[in-house]
Amino acid sequence: MKMKKFLFSVFAGLTAISMLAGCSGQPSSGSQSQSQSQASPAAPSHSESSSTPAPESPAPSESTPDAAEPEGGKTLVLYFSASGNTKAVAETIADTTGAETYELTPVEPYTDADLNWTMADSRVNAEHNDPSHRTAIAGEKDLSAYDTIFLGYPLWWREAPSIVWNLVENTDLSGKTIIPFCTSTSDGIEGSVETLRGMAPDANWLEGRRFGENLNEASVTEWINSLDLEPAGTEEPAAPEGSGTNALVVYFSVPEDVDTTGVDAIAGASVLVSNGTALGNMEYMAGIIQRETGADSYRIVEQNAYPRDHQPLIDQAQQEQRQNARPAIADPLPDLSGYDVIYLGYPNWWGDMPMILYTFLDAVDLSGKTVV
């Protein structure tokens, strides 16, 4: 399974995470995407690409006791759908790939009232307010014969529903390639994938894809084709010795000193909280890229520390840009001679790279290297 397209798309998206060029919303597990125009700004709402989702009756499992178990190397589209939108995507994926499908259904089906997130005492709110809750699954699917699993779900409060958590936590996905997809009117899939990855770290998790309310078959097919899936039963050729270290992630990140307690968004601040630790957005993304590629990492650290307060920081950044300054780098520069690929990451400051990036680029030789 190829990872190049994932890595290019990650860095392409980083330009939107600018601490000086606009507001950057920070996901919070306590709020959900606003999928209905009439929702109040503070109200959480479910989103499955429909402004007025109508719950469907859960479909029975597509496997039967008489069906022969598939041979190894096959692909499965495994999904949970509450209003039918995720199911539509799943069926299109199955048609495109020739994969089997399996619908994840709860022991106790959801009713209209259950799914009404605007009612404080509804079932979905009760489940959401209990972090330990895991919705019971009706039936059991043997996944041992499948190498590749498309895992689909609607986003509920920016996460996969707890029935999906139940599956991932209690199923051996070791060594399997998991390709997540979700339906949502606005929120991205990244946070939910990180949560699921933590529940099954031995699986090979790909980036995944969100499908919005303007769903069409062409968009699903285009995504499937972009994955460059290997034919079932084939294996990647053995990687050459040392290939995990011929790439280097070089990044610059300045996490601002802001109070992130109890807020959904931090206007302009380039900071997020992961496992209780405040990280710069670029620091967080560089860690993901390093983990996915097995690359080495080098952080550009300024000799004279930048202010951590927002206004002084942006003032200094603008002054450096106007002066075409070259701020000094604290640590010795890395030896790039052993690297073929350099992932170069930075926040946008006043519509450009921070000037310390120019210090780095002036000082190193990137001739013949691939720079992402």
Protein backbone atom coordinates (compact mmCIF):
# COMPACT_ATOMS: atom_id res chain seq x y z
CA MET A 1 0.00 0.00 0.00
CA LYS A 2 1.49 3.34 -1.02
CA MET A 3 1.85 6.13 1.51
CA LYS A 4 3.25 8.89 -0.73
CA LYS A 5 -0.11 10.44 -1.55
CA PHE A 6 -0.99 10.57 2.14
CA LEU A 7 2.20 12.40 3.00
CA PHE A 8 1.85 14.94 0.22
CA SER A 9 -1.76 15.63 1.22
CA VAL A 10 -0.75 16.08 4.88
CA PHE A 11 1.77 18.80 4.04
CA ALA A 12 -0.55 20.42 1.53
CA GLY A 13 -3.09 20.79 4.32
CA LEU A 14 -0.60 22.32 6.72
CA THR A 15 -0.71 25.69 5.03
CA ALA A 16 -4.26 26.03 6.36
CA ILE A 17 -2.98 25.64 9.93
CA SER A 18 -1.54 29.15 10.12
CA MET A 19 -1.15 30.85 13.42
CA LEU A 20 -0.68 34.25 11.87
CA ALA A 21 -2.75 34.12 8.69
CA GLY A 22 -6.15 33.50 10.21
CA CYS A 23 -8.15 31.60 12.77
CA SER A 24 -7.49 27.93 13.31
CA GLY A 25 -10.18 25.88 15.02
CA GLN A 26 -8.92 23.30 17.47
CA PRO A 27 -10.98 20.11 17.74
CA SER A 28 -12.45 19.34 21.10
CA SER A 29 -13.81 15.98 22.12
CA GLY A 30 -16.61 17.76 23.91
CA SER A 31 -18.19 19.35 20.82
CA GLN A 32 -19.61 17.99 17.62
CA SER A 33 -19.88 19.32 14.09
CA GLN A 34 -22.74 21.62 13.27
CA SER A 35 -24.51 19.59 10.64
CA GLN A 36 -27.82 21.42 10.81
CA SER A 37 -28.15 25.09 9.94
CA GLN A 38 -30.64 25.71 12.72
CA ALA A 39 -28.30 24.41 15.43
CA SER A 40 -27.16 26.94 17.99
CA PRO A 41 -23.40 27.69 17.97
CA ALA A 42 -22.86 25.91 21.27
CA ALA A 43 -24.94 22.84 20.54
CA PRO A 44 -23.27 19.59 19.49
CA SER A 45 -24.82 17.82 16.54
CA HIS A 46 -24.41 14.55 14.73
CA SER A 47 -23.26 14.78 11.12
CA GLU A 48 -23.66 12.09 8.54
CA SER A 49 -23.77 14.31 5.47
CA SER A 50 -27.45 15.06 5.85
CA SER A 51 -29.15 18.12 7.27
CA THR A 52 -32.16 16.05 8.34
CA PRO A 53 -30.90 12.50 8.84
CA ALA A 54 -33.54 9.81 9.11
CA PRO A 55 -32.39 6.71 10.99
CA GLU A 56 -32.60 3.53 9.02
CA SER A 57 -33.44 0.05 10.15
CA PRO A 58 -30.15 -1.80 10.67
CA ALA A 59 -29.56 -4.28 7.87
CA PRO A 60 -28.80 -7.90 8.74
CA SER A 61 -25.30 -9.25 8.30
CA GLU A 62 -24.52 -10.10 4.69
CA SER A 63 -22.72 -13.28 5.67
CA THR A 64 -24.73 -16.44 6.26
CA PRO A 65 -23.90 -19.70 8.04
CA ASP A 66 -23.81 -21.47 4.67
CA ALA A 67 -21.39 -19.00 3.05
CA ALA A 68 -17.83 -20.22 2.63
CA GLU A 69 -15.18 -18.22 4.46
CA PRO A 70 -13.12 -16.09 2.05
CA GLU A 71 -9.53 -16.97 1.34
CA GLY A 72 -6.74 -14.80 2.71
CA GLY A 73 -5.84 -11.52 1.06
CA LYS A 74 -9.40 -10.30 0.48
CA THR A 75 -10.88 -6.86 1.06
CA LEU A 76 -13.88 -6.04 3.26
CA VAL A 77 -15.95 -2.88 3.52
CA LEU A 78 -17.02 -2.77 7.18
CA TYR A 79 -19.29 0.08 8.20
CA PHE A 80 -21.81 1.50 10.64
CA SER A 81 -24.57 3.73 9.26
CA ALA A 82 -27.33 5.47 11.19
CA SER A 83 -29.11 7.40 8.43
CA GLY A 84 -27.95 5.64 5.27
CA ASN A 85 -25.29 8.06 4.03
CA THR A 86 -22.34 5.98 5.20
CA LYS A 87 -24.01 2.90 3.77
CA ALA A 88 -24.24 4.59 0.35
CA VAL A 89 -20.50 5.31 0.39
CA ALA A 90 -19.73 1.77 1.57
CA GLU A 91 -21.74 0.21 -1.23
CA THR A 92 -19.99 2.38 -3.83
CA ILE A 93 -16.60 1.36 -2.44
CA ALA A 94 -17.63 -2.30 -2.62
CA ASP A 95 -18.83 -1.91 -6.21
CA THR A 96 -15.58 -0.21 -7.22
CA THR A 97 -13.22 -2.65 -5.51
CA GLY A 98 -15.22 -5.86 -5.78
CA ALA A 99 -14.98 -6.20 -2.00
CA GLU A 100 -17.47 -7.81 0.33
CA THR A 101 -19.52 -5.67 2.70
CA TYR A 102 -20.52 -6.10 6.32
CA GLU A 103 -22.77 -3.69 8.19
CA LEU A 104 -22.03 -3.18 11.87
CA THR A 105 -25.37 -3.20 13.70
CA PRO A 106 -26.20 -2.56 17.36
CA VAL A 107 -27.96 -5.12 19.51
CA GLU A 108 -30.49 -2.41 20.33
CA PRO A 109 -31.31 -0.53 17.10
CA TYR A 110 -31.36 3.27 17.25
CA THR A 111 -34.75 4.98 16.99
CA ASP A 112 -35.52 8.51 15.85
CA ALA A 113 -35.72 9.59 19.49
CA ASP A 114 -32.41 7.85 20.28
CA LEU A 115 -30.64 9.86 17.56
CA ASN A 116 -32.09 13.23 18.56
CA TRP A 117 -28.96 14.91 19.89
CA THR A 118 -30.94 18.09 20.71
CA MET A 119 -32.64 16.25 23.58
CA ALA A 120 -30.37 16.17 26.61
CA ASP A 121 -31.69 12.79 27.74
CA SER A 122 -31.54 11.06 24.34
CA ARG A 123 -29.62 7.82 23.95
CA VAL A 124 -26.83 9.30 21.86
CA ASN A 125 -26.24 12.04 24.43
CA ALA A 126 -26.21 9.53 27.27
CA GLU A 127 -23.69 7.37 25.40
CA HIS A 128 -21.53 10.37 24.54
CA ASN A 129 -21.48 11.58 28.15
CA ASP A 130 -20.16 8.20 29.32
CA PRO A 131 -16.60 7.79 27.93
CA SER A 132 -16.57 4.13 28.97
CA HIS A 133 -19.73 3.26 27.04
CA ARG A 134 -19.37 0.78 24.17
CA THR A 135 -22.51 0.06 22.16
CA ALA A 136 -23.07 -3.70 21.94
CA ILE A 137 -22.71 -5.27 18.49
CA ALA A 138 -25.25 -7.69 17.05
CA GLY A 139 -23.49 -10.68 15.53
CA GLU A 140 -19.81 -11.30 15.04
CA LYS A 141 -17.73 -11.16 11.89
CA ASP A 142 -14.53 -13.20 11.50
CA LEU A 143 -11.99 -10.77 10.05
CA SER A 144 -9.04 -13.15 9.99
CA ALA A 145 -9.28 -13.77 6.23
CA TYR A 146 -9.14 -10.09 5.25
CA ASP A 147 -5.92 -8.16 4.69
CA THR A 148 -7.55 -4.83 3.80
CA ILE A 149 -10.56 -3.34 5.58
CA PHE A 150 -12.38 -0.17 4.63
CA LEU A 151 -13.85 1.08 7.91
CA GLY A 152 -16.75 3.52 7.59
CA TYR A 153 -18.80 5.54 10.07
CA PRO A 154 -20.56 8.89 10.55
CA LEU A 155 -18.81 11.45 12.73
CA TRP A 156 -20.52 11.93 16.08
CA TRP A 157 -18.93 14.69 18.14
CA ARG A 158 -15.95 14.50 15.76
CA GLU A 159 -15.34 10.85 16.65
CA ALA A 160 -16.46 7.44 15.47
CA PRO A 161 -19.58 6.19 17.30
CA SER A 162 -18.89 3.93 20.27
CA ILE A 163 -20.04 0.84 18.38
CA VAL A 164 -17.01 1.33 16.15
CA TRP A 165 -14.81 1.80 19.22
CA ASN A 166 -16.18 -1.49 20.54
CA LEU A 167 -15.21 -3.28 17.34
CA VAL A 168 -11.71 -1.82 17.09
CA GLU A 169 -10.88 -2.36 20.76
CA ASN A 170 -12.04 -5.97 20.81
CA THR A 171 -10.89 -7.25 17.42
CA ASP A 172 -7.40 -8.36 16.44
CA LEU A 173 -6.47 -6.04 13.57
CA SER A 174 -2.72 -6.69 13.78
CA GLY A 175 -1.03 -6.44 10.39
CA LYS A 176 -4.20 -5.49 8.55
CA THR A 177 -4.43 -2.38 6.40
CA ILE A 178 -7.31 -0.22 7.65
CA ILE A 179 -8.65 2.49 5.33
CA PRO A 180 -11.07 4.71 7.27
CA PHE A 181 -13.82 6.77 5.69
CA CYS A 182 -16.51 8.89 7.30
CA THR A 183 -19.51 11.02 6.44
CA SER A 184 -19.72 14.53 7.87
CA THR A 185 -20.88 17.92 6.68
CA SER A 186 -17.82 19.76 7.96
CA ASP A 187 -15.47 18.10 10.44
CA GLY A 188 -12.41 16.24 9.17
CA ILE A 189 -11.64 12.57 9.75
CA GLU A 190 -8.16 13.02 11.19
CA GLY A 191 -9.05 13.20 14.90
CA SER A 192 -11.27 10.14 14.80
CA VAL A 193 -8.55 8.14 13.01
CA GLU A 194 -5.99 9.08 15.64
CA THR A 195 -8.35 7.80 18.35
CA LEU A 196 -8.93 4.52 16.52
CA ARG A 197 -5.24 4.12 15.80
CA GLY A 198 -4.56 4.32 19.52
CA MET A 199 -7.01 1.48 20.10
CA ALA A 200 -5.37 -0.79 17.51
CA PRO A 201 -1.77 0.40 17.08
CA ASP A 202 -0.61 -2.81 15.39
CA ALA A 203 -2.81 -2.22 12.34
CA ASN A 204 -1.60 -0.26 9.33
CA TRP A 205 -3.86 2.80 9.38
CA LEU A 206 -4.10 4.93 6.27
CA GLU A 207 -5.18 8.57 6.25
CA GLY A 208 -8.79 8.00 5.25
CA ARG A 209 -11.35 10.25 3.60
CA ARG A 210 -14.34 12.36 4.62
CA PHE A 211 -17.37 12.52 2.34
CA GLY A 212 -19.67 15.52 2.66
CA GLU A 213 -23.29 16.13 1.79
CA ASN A 214 -22.61 16.51 -1.95
CA LEU A 215 -21.79 12.84 -2.27
CA ASN A 216 -21.50 11.33 -5.72
CA GLU A 217 -20.22 8.06 -7.06
CA ALA A 218 -17.46 9.74 -9.05
CA SER A 219 -15.84 11.21 -5.93
CA VAL A 220 -15.78 7.81 -4.23
CA THR A 221 -14.37 6.10 -7.30
CA GLU A 222 -11.70 8.78 -7.73
CA TRP A 223 -10.58 8.28 -4.14
CA ILE A 224 -10.42 4.50 -4.50
CA ASN A 225 -8.32 4.81 -7.65
CA SER A 226 -5.96 7.24 -5.91
CA LEU A 227 -5.16 4.67 -3.22
CA ASP A 228 -3.19 2.54 -5.71
CA LEU A 229 -4.32 -0.64 -4.01
CA GLU A 230 -2.25 -3.74 -4.64
CA PRO A 231 -4.06 -6.76 -6.10
CA ALA A 232 -5.29 -9.12 -3.39
CA GLY A 233 -2.69 -11.59 -2.25
CA THR A 234 0.33 -9.62 -3.47
CA GLU A 235 3.06 -8.34 -1.19
CA GLU A 236 5.25 -5.30 -1.29
CA PRO A 237 8.84 -6.05 -2.29
CA ALA A 238 11.29 -6.08 0.57
CA ALA A 239 12.57 -2.63 1.38
CA PRO A 240 16.30 -2.07 0.90
CA GLU A 241 18.40 -2.07 4.03
CA GLY A 242 18.35 1.27 5.78
CA SER A 243 15.39 2.58 3.78
CA GLY A 244 13.65 3.69 6.99
CA THR A 245 16.35 6.29 7.62
CA ASN A 246 16.90 7.80 4.15
CA ALA A 247 14.14 10.34 4.83
CA LEU A 248 14.32 13.26 7.26
CA VAL A 249 11.50 15.37 8.69
CA VAL A 250 12.77 18.92 9.19
CA TYR A 251 10.30 21.23 10.90
CA PHE A 252 9.93 24.50 12.78
CA SER A 253 7.19 24.96 15.36
CA VAL A 254 6.36 27.54 18.03
CA PRO A 255 3.58 26.46 20.40
CA GLU A 256 2.02 29.55 21.92
CA ASP A 257 1.46 29.91 25.63
CA VAL A 258 -2.32 30.00 25.77
CA ASP A 259 -4.92 28.54 28.09
CA THR A 260 -6.70 25.78 26.15
CA THR A 261 -8.98 24.73 29.00
CA GLY A 262 -12.66 24.57 28.16
CA VAL A 263 -12.54 26.14 24.69
CA ASP A 264 -13.35 24.78 21.24
CA ALA A 265 -11.16 27.12 19.24
CA ILE A 266 -8.18 29.38 19.83
CA ALA A 267 -8.24 32.29 17.42
CA GLY A 268 -4.94 32.42 15.60
CA ALA A 269 -2.97 30.30 18.03
CA SER A 270 -0.68 27.62 16.61
CA VAL A 271 -1.12 25.14 19.44
CA LEU A 272 -3.06 22.02 20.27
CA VAL A 273 -3.18 19.68 23.23
CA SER A 274 -2.32 15.99 22.74
CA ASN A 275 -2.42 13.65 25.74
CA GLY A 276 -2.25 16.63 28.07
CA THR A 277 0.79 18.19 26.38
CA ALA A 278 0.67 21.48 24.46
CA LEU A 279 2.26 21.09 21.04
CA GLY A 280 2.71 23.38 18.08
CA ASN A 281 0.53 22.32 15.17
CA MET A 282 3.61 21.64 13.06
CA GLU A 283 5.27 19.70 15.86
CA TYR A 284 2.20 17.46 16.06
CA MET A 285 2.01 16.90 12.29
CA ALA A 286 5.75 16.24 12.03
CA GLY A 287 5.39 13.50 14.63
CA ILE A 288 2.65 11.83 12.59
CA ILE A 289 4.73 11.95 9.40
CA GLN A 290 7.79 10.60 11.20
CA ARG A 291 5.77 7.71 12.62
CA GLU A 292 4.20 6.85 9.25
CA THR A 293 7.45 6.93 7.29
CA GLY A 294 10.01 5.75 9.84
CA ALA A 295 12.02 8.86 8.98
CA ASP A 296 14.50 10.66 11.18
CA SER A 297 13.56 14.05 12.60
CA TYR A 298 15.27 17.41 13.05
CA ARG A 299 13.60 20.38 14.72
CA ILE A 300 14.79 23.87 13.80
CA VAL A 301 15.17 25.70 17.10
CA GLU A 302 15.85 29.44 17.25
CA GLN A 303 18.90 30.66 19.16
CA ASN A 304 16.95 33.55 20.64
CA ALA A 305 13.57 32.24 21.72
CA TYR A 306 10.49 33.68 20.08
CA PRO A 307 7.79 35.16 22.33
CA ARG A 308 5.11 32.64 23.26
CA ASP A 309 2.44 35.30 23.58
CA HIS A 310 0.48 35.83 20.37
CA GLN A 311 0.74 39.56 19.69
CA PRO A 312 4.48 39.94 20.46
CA LEU A 313 5.15 36.85 18.35
CA ILE A 314 3.35 38.12 15.26
CA ASP A 315 4.95 41.55 15.68
CA GLN A 316 8.43 40.03 15.74
CA ALA A 317 7.63 37.79 12.77
CA GLN A 318 6.49 40.79 10.72
CA GLN A 319 9.58 42.81 11.66
CA GLU A 320 11.89 39.95 10.62
CA GLN A 321 10.08 39.62 7.31
CA ARG A 322 10.36 43.35 6.56
CA GLN A 323 14.08 43.26 7.36
CA ASN A 324 14.66 40.02 5.39
CA ALA A 325 16.33 38.78 8.59
CA ARG A 326 18.09 35.48 9.08
CA PRO A 327 17.47 34.45 12.72
CA ALA A 328 20.19 32.22 14.13
CA ILE A 329 19.56 28.49 14.64
CA ALA A 330 20.54 27.13 18.05
CA ASP A 331 21.60 23.56 17.25
CA PRO A 332 24.13 22.34 14.69
CA LEU A 333 22.59 21.74 11.28
CA PRO A 334 21.89 18.13 10.30
CA ASP A 335 24.14 16.26 7.88
CA LEU A 336 21.85 15.73 4.90
CA SER A 337 24.25 13.63 2.84
CA GLY A 338 22.60 10.36 3.87
CA TYR A 339 19.03 11.44 3.04
CA ASP A 340 17.21 11.26 -0.28
CA VAL A 341 13.89 12.75 0.88
CA ILE A 342 13.38 15.81 3.09
CA TYR A 343 9.94 16.62 4.51
CA LEU A 344 10.04 20.35 5.27
CA GLY A 345 7.35 21.68 7.60
CA TYR A 346 6.58 25.13 8.96
CA PRO A 347 3.69 27.43 9.92
CA ASN A 348 2.74 30.29 7.58
CA TRP A 349 3.76 33.65 9.01
CA TRP A 350 2.40 36.64 7.14
CA GLY A 351 1.80 34.53 4.03
CA ASP A 352 5.35 33.16 3.90
CA MET A 353 7.77 30.84 5.65
CA PRO A 354 9.20 32.10 8.94
CA MET A 355 12.52 33.79 8.20
CA ILE A 356 14.40 31.15 10.20
CA LEU A 357 13.47 28.72 7.40
CA TYR A 358 15.49 30.91 5.05
CA THR A 359 18.40 30.65 7.49
CA PHE A 360 18.18 26.87 7.21
CA LEU A 361 17.76 26.74 3.43
CA ASP A 362 20.65 29.16 2.86
CA ALA A 363 22.94 26.91 4.89
CA VAL A 364 22.20 23.41 3.55
CA ASP A 365 22.70 21.70 0.19
CA LEU A 366 19.50 20.13 -1.15
CA SER A 367 20.85 19.38 -4.61
CA GLY A 368 19.28 16.23 -6.07
CA LYS A 369 17.05 15.64 -3.05
CA THR A 370 13.28 15.29 -3.09
CA VAL A 371 11.76 18.00 -0.88
CA VAL A 372 8.17 17.50 0.27
